[in-house]
């Protein structure tokens, strides 16, 4: 026999009564709707005479002689956006909100964006991927000068399998400048660079607990990658770093006792590097993995697990927190913000995107490996053109083996220059950045073809940043379905105006809306007649 659940929330003393204030308790959908958004006030669940459950946000447990008391079934305490997620995230990172704006590469996540988020009590990462060490260092100096000793800012360290020297140089400067937080992204395995950043400065406090100088927040889209960051750094990576003088023996000893990252972000169907996995499947898997590894290694404090990918509406953010995310990370939607480094022309294209206007395309930084990333499809031919280039690289050992007609089409429509001309420009670039790459391409025609095709992939993102409208068809704009969902949500509100779309207003509205939707779900769970409209939070100016 099925046992029926008690329909009365047992959260109030037996016989407790509530005397509503000047407004009667709401017991209809129309009456409940305006109360749902009053999240900063306690909500009283009352048994109403007509049957069912009503809600009141004012009144008193003491009779005032003006009204009839109603049975008090329970009280929902105030709910603030600051309280969503894991409170320890805010404490550890010095933030007010459990919210991160992710690192959009090539400086699209600008220093101005990172500073604005820090000032608003959030965490932002400068988009260092794709930039040379000199530009990254300039950004670090700028942020350090603006934000001083504040802990709630950071810089991206991206895995660069084709350029390990570059990855190491960026890691060196992050350690040298003591950047407080580092977002490690696109890693398929641990590398010496990311382990060094995580281990540098490790020490024990007066109570004997391991203290980190640099907080690593790792983005992962596979459980096996999550396991690497949730585990202590392996000896085969630590020992050479000690031998090279890049870590002390004491730092390496402590690194073998703590996880590489103290925050791991589960990246689902996001813009840029992604495996297109659904958050509802991936996040629970990594949460369970976290628990298993914490027991196995005996950690004295748990690693926080955050959520990213597909978070472009309050409903998506609320769902991520409901799944157990300690914090949320947004990406695609911030490219449309005032502080974004993307050109106005590219932002206008993003504003027209719908949830299906995305496609997968080869990644410039991992081109030879066949790694793909998610980009905007609407208004640009980049995805299809980049795919053509990868197919040619995969199927031919050198440019001269490509059929003449295909070569002519590529030179005319994609490169818009002879292959030899582009190679000469590419060769000069690599002679400055990494001479070994240029030397290898001189003797290896297949590698030469890869570098020329990567020229197009690299340039395409910069054309979008610079607003080179004559190359609009070649814009590479990293974008996931969240952008289309965001456009639908903001279409008729104040965030539809590009001039009012600041990164902080985007964040505040996503969080406020997530809190309102969480309250709506709470009320509905206890039998309050919550209308569908309560789950459609409209954007509004927030301070």
Protein backbone atom coordinates (compact mmCIF):
# COMPACT_ATOMS: atom_id res chain seq x y z
CA UNK A 1 0.00 0.00 0.00
CA UNK A 2 1.31 3.44 -0.91
CA UNK A 3 1.70 5.76 2.04
CA UNK A 4 0.42 9.26 1.34
CA UNK A 5 2.60 12.18 2.36
CA UNK A 6 1.27 14.52 5.03
CA UNK A 7 0.02 17.55 3.09
CA UNK A 8 0.55 19.89 6.06
CA UNK A 9 4.09 21.25 6.46
CA UNK A 10 4.99 20.28 10.08
CA UNK A 11 7.18 23.34 10.68
CA UNK A 12 5.05 25.29 13.19
CA UNK A 13 4.06 24.46 16.76
CA UNK A 14 0.74 22.68 17.07
CA UNK A 15 -2.05 25.21 17.42
CA UNK A 16 0.07 28.17 16.33
CA UNK A 17 -1.97 30.93 14.70
CA UNK A 18 -1.09 33.95 12.59
CA UNK A 19 -2.91 37.25 12.53
CA UNK A 20 -2.42 38.86 9.09
CA UNK A 21 -1.55 42.53 8.81
CA UNK A 22 -3.38 45.09 6.67
CA UNK A 23 -3.49 42.70 3.71
CA UNK A 24 -5.29 39.35 3.86
CA UNK A 25 -3.29 36.22 3.07
CA UNK A 26 -3.08 35.35 -0.60
CA UNK A 27 -4.80 32.13 -1.49
CA UNK A 28 -5.31 32.57 -5.24
CA UNK A 29 -2.81 32.62 -8.07
CA UNK A 30 -3.45 36.31 -8.72
CA UNK A 31 -2.87 37.19 -5.08
CA UNK A 32 0.21 35.03 -4.69
CA UNK A 33 2.04 36.43 -7.75
CA UNK A 34 3.16 39.80 -6.29
CA UNK A 35 4.27 38.13 -3.04
CA UNK A 36 6.66 35.68 -4.66
CA UNK A 37 9.25 38.36 -5.45
CA UNK A 38 9.29 39.62 -1.84
CA UNK A 39 12.07 37.18 -1.07
CA UNK A 40 13.71 39.30 1.64
CA UNK A 41 10.67 38.92 3.94
CA UNK A 42 9.53 35.79 5.79
CA UNK A 43 6.66 34.00 4.06
CA UNK A 44 3.99 32.57 6.40
CA UNK A 45 2.17 29.47 5.21
CA UNK A 46 -1.41 29.54 6.49
CA UNK A 47 -4.37 27.19 6.36
CA UNK A 48 -7.16 29.27 4.83
CA UNK A 49 -10.88 28.77 5.56
CA UNK A 50 -11.70 27.87 1.99
CA UNK A 51 -9.19 25.03 2.12
CA UNK A 52 -5.66 24.78 0.85
CA UNK A 53 -2.61 26.83 1.75
CA UNK A 54 -2.27 30.59 1.57
CA UNK A 55 0.72 32.85 2.11
CA UNK A 56 1.24 36.12 3.99
CA UNK A 57 4.32 38.33 4.25
CA UNK A 58 3.16 40.62 7.03
CA UNK A 59 1.24 40.29 10.26
CA UNK A 60 1.97 39.02 13.77
CA UNK A 61 1.60 35.92 15.95
CA UNK A 62 -0.13 38.16 18.49
CA UNK A 63 -3.80 39.13 18.04
CA UNK A 64 -4.44 42.82 17.54
CA UNK A 65 -8.21 42.65 17.79
CA UNK A 66 -8.78 43.55 14.15
CA UNK A 67 -8.72 40.15 12.49
CA UNK A 68 -9.21 36.44 12.88
CA UNK A 69 -6.10 34.35 13.32
CA UNK A 70 -5.39 31.53 10.89
CA UNK A 71 -3.57 28.27 11.59
CA UNK A 72 0.17 28.80 10.96
CA UNK A 73 1.56 25.83 9.08
CA UNK A 74 5.11 27.06 8.79
CA UNK A 75 7.44 29.93 7.91
CA UNK A 76 9.86 30.27 5.02
CA UNK A 77 12.70 32.56 6.17
CA UNK A 78 14.03 35.39 3.99
CA UNK A 79 15.96 34.31 0.91
CA UNK A 80 18.76 36.42 -0.54
CA UNK A 81 20.69 35.92 -3.79
CA UNK A 82 23.84 36.02 -1.66
CA UNK A 83 22.67 32.83 0.07
CA UNK A 84 22.34 30.70 -3.04
CA UNK A 85 25.04 28.07 -3.35
CA UNK A 86 27.74 27.32 -0.79
CA UNK A 87 28.44 30.12 1.71
CA UNK A 88 32.07 29.00 1.96
CA UNK A 89 32.59 30.13 -1.65
CA UNK A 90 31.93 33.74 -0.65
CA UNK A 91 34.09 33.43 2.45
CA UNK A 92 37.03 31.89 0.58
CA UNK A 93 37.02 34.20 -2.42
CA UNK A 94 36.05 37.41 -0.68
CA UNK A 95 32.81 37.81 -2.62
CA UNK A 96 29.29 38.79 -1.75
CA UNK A 97 27.68 36.53 -4.34
CA UNK A 98 28.46 32.93 -5.44
CA UNK A 99 28.94 34.12 -9.01
CA UNK A 100 31.80 34.11 -11.52
CA UNK A 101 32.04 35.72 -14.95
CA UNK A 102 34.30 33.38 -16.87
CA UNK A 103 37.41 34.15 -18.87
CA UNK A 104 36.51 34.89 -22.48
CA UNK A 105 39.70 34.50 -24.50
CA UNK A 106 41.76 37.08 -26.36
CA UNK A 107 40.98 39.65 -23.72
CA UNK A 108 37.22 39.71 -24.43
CA UNK A 109 36.89 39.38 -20.65
CA UNK A 110 38.66 42.70 -20.12
CA UNK A 111 40.37 44.12 -17.07
CA UNK A 112 37.51 46.63 -16.91
CA UNK A 113 35.04 43.74 -16.68
CA UNK A 114 37.04 41.99 -13.97
CA UNK A 115 37.32 45.18 -11.92
CA UNK A 116 33.60 45.94 -12.24
CA UNK A 117 32.75 42.47 -10.95
CA UNK A 118 35.18 42.79 -8.06
CA UNK A 119 33.64 46.12 -7.07
CA UNK A 120 30.19 44.47 -7.07
CA UNK A 121 31.27 41.61 -4.80
CA UNK A 122 31.68 38.98 -7.51
CA UNK A 123 34.59 37.17 -9.11
CA UNK A 124 35.82 37.65 -12.66
CA UNK A 125 38.72 36.27 -14.67
CA UNK A 126 40.72 38.11 -17.30
CA UNK A 127 40.65 36.27 -20.65
CA UNK A 128 44.36 35.56 -21.11
CA UNK A 129 43.99 32.68 -23.58
CA UNK A 130 45.30 33.52 -27.03
CA UNK A 131 47.36 36.48 -25.81
CA UNK A 132 51.12 36.76 -25.58
CA UNK A 133 52.78 36.87 -22.15
CA UNK A 134 53.47 40.59 -22.48
CA UNK A 135 49.78 41.44 -22.80
CA UNK A 136 48.88 39.07 -19.99
CA UNK A 137 51.45 40.66 -17.71
CA UNK A 138 50.20 44.15 -18.56
CA UNK A 139 46.68 43.08 -17.61
CA UNK A 140 47.90 41.56 -14.33
CA UNK A 141 49.72 44.77 -13.43
CA UNK A 142 46.63 46.82 -14.28
CA UNK A 143 44.35 44.66 -12.13
CA UNK A 144 46.78 44.58 -9.23
CA UNK A 145 47.02 48.38 -9.33
CA UNK A 146 43.22 48.76 -9.42
CA UNK A 147 42.26 46.13 -6.88
CA UNK A 148 45.26 46.00 -4.57
CA UNK A 149 45.13 43.16 -2.05
CA UNK A 150 41.51 42.24 -2.78
CA UNK A 151 41.15 38.50 -3.39
CA UNK A 152 38.16 38.47 -5.76
CA UNK A 153 39.85 38.68 -9.15
CA UNK A 154 41.88 36.36 -11.28
CA UNK A 155 43.40 35.42 -14.63
CA UNK A 156 42.97 32.45 -16.95
CA UNK A 157 45.58 29.76 -17.54
CA UNK A 158 44.57 27.71 -20.57
CA UNK A 159 46.02 24.37 -21.56
CA UNK A 160 48.22 24.86 -24.64
CA UNK A 161 49.35 21.41 -25.83
CA UNK A 162 50.77 22.85 -29.05
CA UNK A 163 52.67 25.54 -27.14
CA UNK A 164 53.84 24.20 -23.77
CA UNK A 165 56.48 26.92 -23.54
CA UNK A 166 53.76 29.58 -23.71
CA UNK A 167 51.72 27.80 -21.04
CA UNK A 168 54.79 27.74 -18.80
CA UNK A 169 55.57 31.41 -19.38
CA UNK A 170 52.05 32.46 -18.44
CA UNK A 171 52.22 30.23 -15.37
CA UNK A 172 55.53 31.83 -14.40
CA UNK A 173 54.12 35.34 -14.49
CA UNK A 174 50.97 34.34 -12.57
CA UNK A 175 53.18 32.92 -9.82
CA UNK A 176 55.59 35.84 -9.92
CA UNK A 177 52.82 38.43 -9.55
CA UNK A 178 50.94 36.32 -6.98
CA UNK A 179 47.66 36.49 -8.85
CA UNK A 180 45.10 35.52 -6.17
CA UNK A 181 42.88 33.25 -8.30
CA UNK A 182 43.57 31.30 -11.49
CA UNK A 183 40.98 29.65 -13.69
CA UNK A 184 42.50 26.55 -15.32
CA UNK A 185 40.59 25.76 -18.50
CA UNK A 186 40.63 23.28 -21.39
CA UNK A 187 43.04 20.94 -19.60
CA UNK A 188 42.80 17.35 -20.75
CA UNK A 189 45.36 16.26 -18.16
CA UNK A 190 47.51 17.91 -15.53
CA UNK A 191 50.62 19.70 -16.76
CA UNK A 192 53.70 21.00 -14.92
CA UNK A 193 52.46 24.55 -15.44
CA UNK A 194 49.10 24.15 -13.69
CA UNK A 195 50.61 22.05 -10.90
CA UNK A 196 53.25 24.70 -10.26
CA UNK A 197 50.64 27.46 -10.01
CA UNK A 198 48.58 25.36 -7.61
CA UNK A 199 51.53 24.37 -5.40
CA UNK A 200 53.54 27.61 -5.32
CA UNK A 201 53.31 29.23 -1.91
CA UNK A 202 51.64 26.33 -0.09
CA UNK A 203 52.31 26.48 3.65
CA UNK A 204 50.77 25.59 7.00
CA UNK A 205 49.05 28.02 9.34
CA UNK A 206 49.38 28.11 13.13
CA UNK A 207 46.78 25.33 13.44
CA UNK A 208 48.67 23.10 11.00
CA UNK A 209 46.19 23.44 8.14
CA UNK A 210 47.48 23.77 4.59
CA UNK A 211 47.04 27.30 3.24
CA UNK A 212 47.05 28.18 -0.44
CA UNK A 213 48.56 31.34 -1.85
CA UNK A 214 46.87 30.87 -5.22
CA UNK A 215 43.34 29.54 -5.53
CA UNK A 216 42.88 27.24 -8.51
CA UNK A 217 39.41 26.98 -10.04
CA UNK A 218 39.46 24.25 -12.66
CA UNK A 219 36.96 24.00 -15.51
CA UNK A 220 36.20 20.42 -16.50
CA UNK A 221 33.73 18.71 -18.79
CA UNK A 222 34.71 15.09 -18.14
CA UNK A 223 34.77 13.08 -14.91
CA UNK A 224 38.28 11.81 -15.64
CA UNK A 225 39.58 15.37 -15.90
CA UNK A 226 37.68 16.30 -12.75
CA UNK A 227 39.37 13.42 -10.94
CA UNK A 228 42.82 14.80 -11.78
CA UNK A 229 41.99 18.19 -10.25
CA UNK A 230 40.15 16.65 -7.29
CA UNK A 231 43.21 14.57 -6.43
CA UNK A 232 46.62 15.62 -5.08
CA UNK A 233 49.26 16.42 -7.67
CA UNK A 234 51.18 13.27 -8.68
CA UNK A 235 54.81 12.81 -7.73
CA UNK A 236 55.90 12.46 -11.35
CA UNK A 237 54.95 16.10 -11.89
CA UNK A 238 56.05 17.46 -8.51
CA UNK A 239 59.52 15.92 -8.37
CA UNK A 240 60.83 17.47 -11.63
CA UNK A 241 59.49 20.86 -10.54
CA UNK A 242 61.49 20.56 -7.33
CA UNK A 243 64.58 19.43 -9.24
CA UNK A 244 64.27 22.45 -11.54
CA UNK A 245 63.93 24.81 -8.58
CA UNK A 246 60.40 25.80 -9.55
CA UNK A 247 58.92 24.42 -6.33
CA UNK A 248 60.46 23.88 -2.92
CA UNK A 249 60.51 20.45 -1.35
CA UNK A 250 58.13 21.74 1.34
CA UNK A 251 55.64 23.00 -1.26
CA UNK A 252 55.75 19.68 -3.10
CA UNK A 253 55.21 17.76 0.15
CA UNK A 254 52.09 19.78 0.92
CA UNK A 255 50.86 19.56 -2.70
CA UNK A 256 50.82 15.78 -2.31
CA UNK A 257 48.29 16.15 0.53
CA UNK A 258 45.67 18.49 -0.94
CA UNK A 259 43.64 18.50 -4.17
CA UNK A 260 45.09 20.45 -7.07
CA UNK A 261 41.99 22.67 -7.15
CA UNK A 262 39.77 23.77 -4.29
CA UNK A 263 36.98 24.68 -6.73
CA UNK A 264 36.02 22.59 -9.76
CA UNK A 265 33.60 24.02 -12.30
CA UNK A 266 31.53 21.50 -14.23
CA UNK A 267 31.31 22.96 -17.72
CA UNK A 268 28.32 21.69 -19.66
CA UNK A 269 27.01 22.96 -23.01
CA UNK A 270 29.01 26.18 -23.11
CA UNK A 271 30.48 28.50 -25.70
CA UNK A 272 34.09 27.88 -26.69
CA UNK A 273 35.71 24.64 -25.52
CA UNK A 274 32.94 22.20 -24.61
CA UNK A 275 31.89 18.59 -24.85
CA UNK A 276 28.22 19.62 -25.14
CA UNK A 277 27.21 17.46 -22.18
CA UNK A 278 23.98 18.27 -20.29
CA UNK A 279 24.50 19.78 -16.86
CA UNK A 280 21.85 17.54 -15.31
CA UNK A 281 23.92 14.46 -16.17
CA UNK A 282 27.45 15.79 -15.65
CA UNK A 283 27.12 17.76 -12.41
CA UNK A 284 25.71 14.90 -10.27
CA UNK A 285 28.43 12.59 -11.58
CA UNK A 286 31.19 14.99 -10.52
CA UNK A 287 29.52 15.68 -7.16
CA UNK A 288 29.54 11.94 -6.44
CA UNK A 289 33.15 11.70 -7.58
CA UNK A 290 34.07 14.55 -5.25
CA UNK A 291 32.62 12.70 -2.27
CA UNK A 292 34.44 9.49 -3.12
CA UNK A 293 37.81 11.19 -3.53
CA UNK A 294 37.39 13.28 -0.39
CA UNK A 295 36.94 10.06 1.62
CA UNK A 296 39.81 8.32 -0.15
CA UNK A 297 42.29 11.14 0.47
CA UNK A 298 41.00 12.23 3.86
CA UNK A 299 40.63 15.90 3.01
CA UNK A 300 39.83 18.14 5.97
CA UNK A 301 37.57 20.36 3.88
CA UNK A 302 35.59 19.55 0.73
CA UNK A 303 36.24 20.84 -2.76
CA UNK A 304 33.42 23.04 -4.01
CA UNK A 305 31.76 22.07 -7.29
CA UNK A 306 30.34 24.85 -9.46
CA UNK A 307 28.31 24.88 -12.65
CA UNK A 308 28.87 26.50 -16.04
CA UNK A 309 27.40 26.17 -19.51
CA UNK A 310 23.89 27.05 -20.62
CA UNK A 311 23.35 29.58 -17.82
CA UNK A 312 21.69 32.50 -19.56
CA UNK A 313 18.43 32.86 -17.63
CA UNK A 314 17.35 32.95 -13.97
CA UNK A 315 15.68 29.58 -14.41
CA UNK A 316 18.93 28.00 -15.58
CA UNK A 317 20.86 29.54 -12.67
CA UNK A 318 18.22 28.39 -10.16
CA UNK A 319 18.34 24.90 -11.65
CA UNK A 320 22.14 24.79 -11.28
CA UNK A 321 21.91 25.68 -7.60
CA UNK A 322 19.10 23.16 -7.13
CA UNK A 323 21.37 20.48 -8.60
CA UNK A 324 23.90 21.21 -5.87
CA UNK A 325 26.24 23.75 -7.47
CA UNK A 326 28.25 25.75 -4.94
CA UNK A 327 28.52 28.65 -7.40
CA UNK A 328 27.71 29.46 -11.01
CA UNK A 329 29.86 30.66 -13.91
CA UNK A 330 28.50 32.56 -16.90
CA UNK A 331 30.31 33.12 -20.18
CA UNK A 332 28.56 33.64 -23.51
CA UNK A 333 26.12 36.23 -22.19
CA UNK A 334 28.91 38.46 -20.89
CA UNK A 335 30.28 38.96 -24.39
CA UNK A 336 27.31 41.23 -24.99
CA UNK A 337 28.11 43.37 -21.94
CA UNK A 338 29.29 46.96 -22.15
CA UNK A 339 32.67 45.98 -20.65
CA UNK A 340 33.27 43.16 -23.13
CA UNK A 341 36.21 43.48 -25.51
CA UNK A 342 34.09 42.28 -28.43
CA UNK A 343 33.27 44.84 -31.13
CA UNK A 344 29.86 46.48 -31.32
CA UNK A 345 29.34 44.78 -34.69
CA UNK A 346 29.89 41.33 -33.20
CA UNK A 347 27.74 42.20 -30.17
CA UNK A 348 24.90 43.12 -32.54
CA UNK A 349 25.21 39.68 -34.15
CA UNK A 350 25.09 38.02 -30.72
CA UNK A 351 21.94 39.98 -29.90
CA UNK A 352 20.17 38.24 -32.81
CA UNK A 353 21.13 34.72 -31.76
CA UNK A 354 18.55 32.13 -30.79
CA UNK A 355 19.15 28.94 -28.84
CA UNK A 356 19.85 26.89 -31.96
CA UNK A 357 22.09 29.43 -33.72
CA UNK A 358 25.33 27.73 -32.68
CA UNK A 359 27.69 25.23 -34.27
CA UNK A 360 30.87 23.32 -33.50
CA UNK A 361 34.12 24.31 -35.22
CA UNK A 362 37.82 23.41 -34.99
CA UNK A 363 39.74 25.09 -32.18
CA UNK A 364 42.78 27.14 -33.16
CA UNK A 365 44.83 26.17 -30.10
CA UNK A 366 44.20 22.43 -30.52
CA UNK A 367 43.66 22.28 -34.28
CA UNK A 368 45.89 19.30 -34.99
CA UNK A 369 44.18 17.26 -32.26
CA UNK A 370 40.76 17.75 -33.83
CA UNK A 371 39.41 19.49 -30.75
CA UNK A 372 36.32 21.59 -31.44
CA UNK A 373 34.61 24.50 -29.78
CA UNK A 374 31.13 26.05 -29.93
CA UNK A 375 30.61 29.25 -31.87
CA UNK A 376 27.89 31.49 -33.25
CA UNK A 377 26.48 30.17 -36.52
CA UNK A 378 23.97 32.86 -37.42
CA UNK A 379 25.42 35.59 -39.63
CA UNK A 380 28.85 34.00 -40.07
CA UNK A 381 30.35 31.23 -42.18
CA UNK A 382 33.25 30.62 -39.85
CA UNK A 383 32.14 27.19 -38.59
CA UNK A 384 31.71 25.69 -42.05
CA UNK A 385 34.88 27.29 -43.43
CA UNK A 386 37.00 26.19 -40.47
CA UNK A 387 35.62 22.67 -40.84
CA UNK A 388 36.70 22.66 -44.50
CA UNK A 389 40.24 23.58 -43.48
CA UNK A 390 40.43 20.82 -40.91
CA UNK A 391 39.18 18.26 -43.43
CA UNK A 392 41.92 19.32 -45.85
CA UNK A 393 44.55 19.03 -43.11
CA UNK A 394 43.23 15.62 -42.10
CA UNK A 395 43.05 14.22 -45.63
CA UNK A 396 46.23 15.65 -47.20
CA UNK A 397 49.87 15.64 -46.14
CA UNK A 398 50.72 18.98 -47.72
CA UNK A 399 49.10 21.94 -49.47
CA UNK A 400 50.36 20.85 -52.87
CA UNK A 401 48.43 17.56 -52.57
CA UNK A 402 45.11 19.40 -52.34
CA UNK A 403 43.28 19.43 -55.69
CA UNK A 404 43.87 22.66 -57.59
CA UNK A 405 40.22 23.70 -57.58
CA UNK A 406 39.98 23.26 -53.79
CA UNK A 407 43.16 25.27 -53.33
CA UNK A 408 41.80 28.09 -55.45
CA UNK A 409 38.53 28.15 -53.49
CA UNK A 410 40.32 28.28 -50.15
CA UNK A 411 42.62 31.08 -51.27
CA UNK A 412 39.79 33.11 -52.76
CA UNK A 413 36.97 32.60 -50.23
CA UNK A 414 38.64 31.77 -46.93
CA UNK A 415 42.23 33.00 -46.81
CA UNK A 416 41.57 35.78 -49.34
CA UNK A 417 45.27 35.60 -50.22
CA UNK A 418 47.65 33.08 -51.79
CA UNK A 419 48.73 30.30 -49.45
CA UNK A 420 52.37 31.35 -49.85
CA UNK A 421 51.57 34.91 -48.77
CA UNK A 422 49.77 33.75 -45.66
CA UNK A 423 52.60 31.33 -44.88
CA UNK A 424 55.15 34.14 -45.04
CA UNK A 425 53.14 36.21 -42.54
CA UNK A 426 52.66 33.13 -40.36
CA UNK A 427 56.35 32.26 -40.49
CA UNK A 428 57.34 35.73 -39.27
CA UNK A 429 54.83 35.46 -36.42
CA UNK A 430 56.18 32.11 -35.23
CA UNK A 431 59.79 33.19 -35.56
CA UNK A 432 59.03 35.74 -32.86
CA UNK A 433 56.66 33.67 -30.71
CA UNK A 434 58.22 30.20 -30.93
CA UNK A 435 61.03 29.76 -33.49
CA UNK A 436 60.87 25.97 -33.13
CA UNK A 437 57.40 25.98 -34.67
CA UNK A 438 58.62 27.93 -37.70
CA UNK A 439 61.66 25.71 -38.11
CA UNK A 440 59.54 22.57 -37.94
CA UNK A 441 57.11 23.91 -40.55
CA UNK A 442 59.97 24.68 -42.95
CA UNK A 443 60.82 20.98 -43.08
CA UNK A 444 57.36 19.53 -42.45
CA UNK A 445 54.77 20.61 -45.07
CA UNK A 446 51.91 19.07 -43.08
CA UNK A 447 52.77 21.21 -40.07
CA UNK A 448 53.11 24.22 -42.38
CA UNK A 449 49.57 23.63 -43.59
CA UNK A 450 48.35 23.41 -39.99
CA UNK A 451 49.97 26.73 -39.06
CA UNK A 452 48.49 28.50 -42.10
CA UNK A 453 45.03 27.17 -41.33
CA UNK A 454 45.49 28.17 -37.68
CA UNK A 455 46.29 31.66 -38.99
CA UNK A 456 42.73 31.85 -40.27
CA UNK A 457 41.26 30.47 -37.05
CA UNK A 458 43.28 32.89 -34.96
CA UNK A 459 42.55 35.90 -37.12
CA UNK A 460 38.83 35.18 -37.24
CA UNK A 461 38.37 35.82 -33.52
CA UNK A 462 40.40 39.01 -33.72
CA UNK A 463 38.35 40.25 -36.67
CA UNK A 464 35.28 39.93 -34.44
CA UNK A 465 37.02 41.77 -31.62
CA UNK A 466 38.21 44.56 -33.91
CA UNK A 467 34.93 44.79 -35.82
CA UNK A 468 36.48 44.19 -39.24
CA UNK A 469 33.15 44.28 -41.04
CA UNK A 470 34.68 43.29 -44.39
CA UNK A 471 35.44 39.94 -42.71
CA UNK A 472 32.09 39.64 -40.92
CA UNK A 473 31.39 36.33 -42.67
CA UNK A 474 34.53 34.98 -41.00
CA UNK A 475 33.87 36.19 -37.46
CA UNK A 476 34.61 33.54 -34.86
CA UNK A 477 32.37 34.36 -31.88
CA UNK A 478 32.35 31.84 -29.04
CA UNK A 479 28.76 31.21 -28.12
CA UNK A 480 26.57 28.56 -26.54
CA UNK A 481 22.77 28.12 -26.42
CA UNK A 482 22.71 30.30 -23.29
CA UNK A 483 23.07 33.38 -25.51
CA UNK A 484 19.83 32.64 -27.34
CA UNK A 485 18.01 31.94 -24.08
CA UNK A 486 19.36 35.22 -22.69
CA UNK A 487 18.13 37.13 -25.75
CA UNK A 488 14.64 35.67 -25.36
CA UNK A 489 14.58 36.52 -21.66
CA UNK A 490 15.75 40.12 -22.14
CA UNK A 491 13.86 40.89 -25.36
CA UNK A 492 11.24 43.15 -23.77
CA UNK A 493 13.10 44.43 -20.71
CA UNK A 494 15.66 47.08 -19.94
CA UNK A 495 18.55 44.69 -20.70
CA UNK A 496 17.49 44.70 -24.34
CA UNK A 497 19.23 48.10 -24.54
CA UNK A 498 22.94 47.43 -25.26
CA UNK A 499 23.93 50.56 -23.34
CA UNK A 500 22.37 49.22 -20.12
CA UNK A 501 23.72 45.70 -20.45
CA UNK A 502 26.57 45.90 -17.96
CA UNK A 503 28.21 42.76 -16.66
CA UNK A 504 27.02 43.57 -13.14
CA UNK A 505 23.40 44.16 -14.17
CA UNK A 506 23.45 40.87 -16.07
CA UNK A 507 24.77 39.09 -12.99
CA UNK A 508 22.47 40.79 -10.47
CA UNK A 509 19.38 40.03 -12.54
CA UNK A 510 20.34 36.39 -13.06
CA UNK A 511 20.90 35.94 -9.33
CA UNK A 512 17.87 37.92 -8.20
CA UNK A 513 15.69 36.02 -10.66
CA UNK A 514 17.16 32.72 -9.49
CA UNK A 515 16.27 33.57 -5.89
CA UNK A 516 12.71 34.56 -6.87
CA UNK A 517 12.24 31.34 -8.84
CA UNK A 518 13.62 29.34 -5.91
CA UNK A 519 11.06 30.97 -3.61
CA UNK A 520 8.29 30.25 -6.15
CA UNK A 521 9.31 26.60 -6.20
CA UNK A 522 9.36 26.47 -2.38
CA UNK A 523 5.86 27.90 -2.13
CA UNK A 524 4.49 25.60 -4.79
CA UNK A 525 6.06 22.59 -3.05
CA UNK A 526 4.00 23.39 0.08
CA UNK A 527 0.73 23.64 -1.77
CA UNK A 528 0.51 27.40 -2.36
CA UNK A 529 -1.24 28.13 -5.70
CA UNK A 530 1.77 29.67 -7.46
CA UNK A 531 0.93 30.82 -11.03
CA UNK A 532 3.17 30.05 -14.01
CA UNK A 533 3.93 33.76 -14.32
CA UNK A 534 5.91 33.58 -11.07
CA UNK A 535 8.55 31.54 -12.92
CA UNK A 536 9.13 34.28 -15.51
CA UNK A 537 11.21 36.89 -13.70
CA UNK A 538 11.56 40.02 -15.90
CA UNK A 539 14.89 41.92 -15.87
CA UNK A 540 14.91 45.22 -13.97
CA UNK A 541 17.53 47.77 -12.86
CA UNK A 542 19.08 46.57 -9.60
CA UNK A 543 21.41 48.33 -7.20
